[in-house]
């Protein structure tokens, strides 16, 4: 008859050594964080850059 200790030790031995899933989750979170930072940066800097380019373009085209 299987005991609870046997099942617990089997599960620990079976799944404790496999950390590939944890690494994959960490990399996915890192990529998601980088994407959020890039989107926020483009959002905030995009309008500022657009107005600066518009000012430069209008000053260049004015006689």
N, C-alpha and C. Protein backbone atom coordinates (compact mmCIF):
# COMPACT_ATOMS: atom_id res chain seq x y z
N UNK A 1 0.83 -1.18 0.00
CA UNK A 1 0.00 0.00 0.00
C UNK A 1 0.88 1.25 0.00
N UNK A 2 0.49 2.21 -0.83
CA UNK A 2 1.25 3.45 -0.92
C UNK A 2 0.96 4.33 0.27
N UNK A 3 1.99 4.88 0.80
CA UNK A 3 1.80 5.80 1.92
C UNK A 3 1.93 7.23 1.44
N UNK A 4 1.50 8.13 2.26
CA UNK A 4 1.55 9.55 1.92
C UNK A 4 2.99 10.02 1.80
N UNK A 5 3.89 9.50 2.64
CA UNK A 5 5.30 9.89 2.57
C UNK A 5 5.93 9.47 1.25
N UNK A 6 5.57 8.27 0.79
CA UNK A 6 6.11 7.79 -0.48
C UNK A 6 5.65 8.67 -1.63
N UNK A 7 4.38 9.01 -1.64
CA UNK A 7 3.84 9.86 -2.71
C UNK A 7 4.47 11.25 -2.66
N UNK A 8 4.63 11.81 -1.47
CA UNK A 8 5.23 13.13 -1.34
C UNK A 8 6.68 13.12 -1.79
N UNK A 9 7.44 12.10 -1.42
CA UNK A 9 8.84 12.04 -1.84
C UNK A 9 8.95 11.81 -3.34
N UNK A 10 8.05 11.03 -3.91
CA UNK A 10 8.05 10.82 -5.35
C UNK A 10 7.78 12.13 -6.10
N UNK A 11 6.80 12.88 -5.64
CA UNK A 11 6.46 14.14 -6.30
C UNK A 11 7.58 15.16 -6.17
N UNK A 12 8.24 15.21 -5.00
CA UNK A 12 9.37 16.12 -4.83
C UNK A 12 10.51 15.75 -5.77
N UNK A 13 10.82 14.46 -5.86
CA UNK A 13 11.91 14.02 -6.73
C UNK A 13 11.56 14.24 -8.20
N UNK A 14 10.31 14.10 -8.53
CA UNK A 14 9.90 14.21 -9.94
C UNK A 14 9.90 15.65 -10.43
N UNK A 15 9.44 16.58 -9.60
CA UNK A 15 9.24 17.94 -10.07
C UNK A 15 10.20 18.97 -9.48
N UNK A 16 10.99 18.62 -8.51
CA UNK A 16 11.88 19.59 -7.87
C UNK A 16 13.07 19.95 -8.76
N UNK A 17 13.51 19.02 -9.57
CA UNK A 17 14.70 19.26 -10.40
C UNK A 17 14.38 20.02 -11.69
N UNK A 18 13.15 20.03 -12.09
CA UNK A 18 12.78 20.64 -13.37
C UNK A 18 12.40 22.10 -13.16
N UNK A 19 13.31 23.01 -13.55
CA UNK A 19 13.06 24.43 -13.38
C UNK A 19 12.91 25.14 -14.73
N UNK A 20 12.72 24.40 -15.78
CA UNK A 20 12.60 25.02 -17.10
C UNK A 20 11.36 25.90 -17.18
N UNK A 21 10.28 25.46 -16.60
CA UNK A 21 9.05 26.23 -16.62
C UNK A 21 9.20 27.55 -15.88
N UNK A 22 9.91 27.53 -14.76
CA UNK A 22 10.12 28.75 -13.98
C UNK A 22 10.99 29.73 -14.77
N UNK A 23 11.99 29.24 -15.46
CA UNK A 23 12.85 30.12 -16.26
C UNK A 23 12.05 30.75 -17.40
N UNK A 24 11.20 29.96 -18.02
CA UNK A 24 10.39 30.47 -19.11
C UNK A 24 9.45 31.57 -18.64
N UNK A 25 8.86 31.38 -17.48
CA UNK A 25 7.97 32.40 -16.92
C UNK A 25 8.75 33.67 -16.60
N UNK A 26 9.94 33.53 -16.04
CA UNK A 26 10.76 34.70 -15.73
C UNK A 26 11.12 35.47 -16.99
N UNK A 27 11.52 34.77 -18.05
CA UNK A 27 11.85 35.45 -19.30
C UNK A 27 10.63 36.12 -19.91
N UNK A 28 9.49 35.48 -19.83
CA UNK A 28 8.26 36.07 -20.37
C UNK A 28 7.89 37.34 -19.62
N UNK A 29 8.04 37.32 -18.29
CA UNK A 29 7.76 38.53 -17.51
C UNK A 29 8.75 39.64 -17.85
N UNK A 30 10.01 39.30 -18.06
CA UNK A 30 11.02 40.28 -18.42
C UNK A 30 10.72 40.92 -19.77
N UNK A 31 10.34 40.11 -20.73
CA UNK A 31 9.99 40.64 -22.06
C UNK A 31 8.75 41.52 -21.98
N UNK A 32 7.77 41.12 -21.19
CA UNK A 32 6.56 41.93 -21.03
C UNK A 32 6.88 43.27 -20.37
N UNK A 33 7.76 43.27 -19.38
CA UNK A 33 8.15 44.52 -18.72
C UNK A 33 8.89 45.44 -19.67
N UNK A 34 9.78 44.90 -20.47
CA UNK A 34 10.51 45.71 -21.46
C UNK A 34 9.54 46.29 -22.48
N UNK A 35 8.56 45.51 -22.91
CA UNK A 35 7.57 46.01 -23.87
C UNK A 35 6.75 47.14 -23.28
N UNK A 36 6.36 47.02 -22.02
CA UNK A 36 5.57 48.07 -21.37
C UNK A 36 6.40 49.35 -21.26
N UNK A 37 7.67 49.21 -20.88
CA UNK A 37 8.54 50.39 -20.77
C UNK A 37 8.71 51.06 -22.13
N UNK A 38 8.87 50.29 -23.19
CA UNK A 38 9.02 50.87 -24.54
C UNK A 38 7.74 51.58 -24.97
N UNK A 39 6.60 50.99 -24.70
CA UNK A 39 5.34 51.61 -25.09
C UNK A 39 5.13 52.92 -24.34
N UNK A 40 5.43 52.93 -23.05
CA UNK A 40 5.29 54.15 -22.27
C UNK A 40 6.26 55.23 -22.75
N UNK A 41 7.49 54.84 -23.06
CA UNK A 41 8.47 55.80 -23.54
C UNK A 41 8.06 56.40 -24.88
N UNK A 42 7.58 55.58 -25.78
CA UNK A 42 7.14 56.09 -27.09
C UNK A 42 5.92 56.98 -26.94
N UNK A 43 5.04 56.65 -26.03
CA UNK A 43 3.84 57.45 -25.81
C UNK A 43 4.21 58.84 -25.30
N UNK A 44 5.07 58.90 -24.30
CA UNK A 44 5.43 60.19 -23.72
C UNK A 44 6.38 60.98 -24.60
N UNK A 45 7.35 60.33 -25.20
CA UNK A 45 8.33 61.04 -26.02
C UNK A 45 7.83 61.28 -27.43
N UNK A 46 6.86 60.51 -27.87
CA UNK A 46 6.36 60.65 -29.25
C UNK A 46 5.69 61.99 -29.48
N UNK A 47 4.85 62.42 -28.56
CA UNK A 47 4.17 63.71 -28.76
C UNK A 47 5.16 64.86 -28.67
N UNK A 48 6.12 64.77 -27.79
CA UNK A 48 7.14 65.82 -27.68
C UNK A 48 7.99 65.88 -28.95
N UNK A 49 8.41 64.74 -29.44
CA UNK A 49 9.22 64.70 -30.66
C UNK A 49 8.41 65.19 -31.85
N UNK A 50 7.14 64.84 -31.90
CA UNK A 50 6.30 65.28 -33.01
C UNK A 50 6.17 66.79 -33.04
N UNK A 51 5.98 67.41 -31.88
CA UNK A 51 5.86 68.86 -31.86
C UNK A 51 7.18 69.53 -32.22
N UNK A 52 8.29 68.96 -31.79
CA UNK A 52 9.60 69.54 -32.14
C UNK A 52 9.86 69.42 -33.64
N UNK A 53 9.55 68.27 -34.23
CA UNK A 53 9.74 68.11 -35.67
C UNK A 53 8.80 69.03 -36.44
N UNK A 54 7.59 69.23 -35.94
CA UNK A 54 6.68 70.15 -36.59
C UNK A 54 7.18 71.59 -36.55
N UNK A 55 7.74 71.99 -35.43
CA UNK A 55 8.32 73.33 -35.31
C UNK A 55 9.50 73.51 -36.25
N UNK A 56 10.36 72.50 -36.29
CA UNK A 56 11.52 72.57 -37.19
C UNK A 56 11.09 72.59 -38.65
N UNK A 57 10.11 71.77 -38.98
CA UNK A 57 9.64 71.73 -40.35
C UNK A 57 8.99 73.02 -40.79
N UNK A 58 8.21 73.64 -39.92
CA UNK A 58 7.59 74.90 -40.28
C UNK A 58 8.61 76.03 -40.37
N UNK A 59 9.65 75.98 -39.54
CA UNK A 59 10.68 77.02 -39.63
C UNK A 59 11.55 76.86 -40.87
N UNK A 60 11.72 75.66 -41.33
CA UNK A 60 12.50 75.42 -42.54
C UNK A 60 11.72 75.82 -43.80
N UNK A 61 10.42 75.61 -43.78
CA UNK A 61 9.63 75.91 -44.96
C UNK A 61 9.25 77.39 -45.04
N UNK A 62 9.37 78.14 -43.94
CA UNK A 62 9.04 79.57 -43.95
C UNK A 62 10.16 80.34 -44.64
N UNK A 63 9.79 81.33 -45.46
CA UNK A 63 10.84 82.11 -46.18
C UNK A 63 11.59 83.06 -45.30
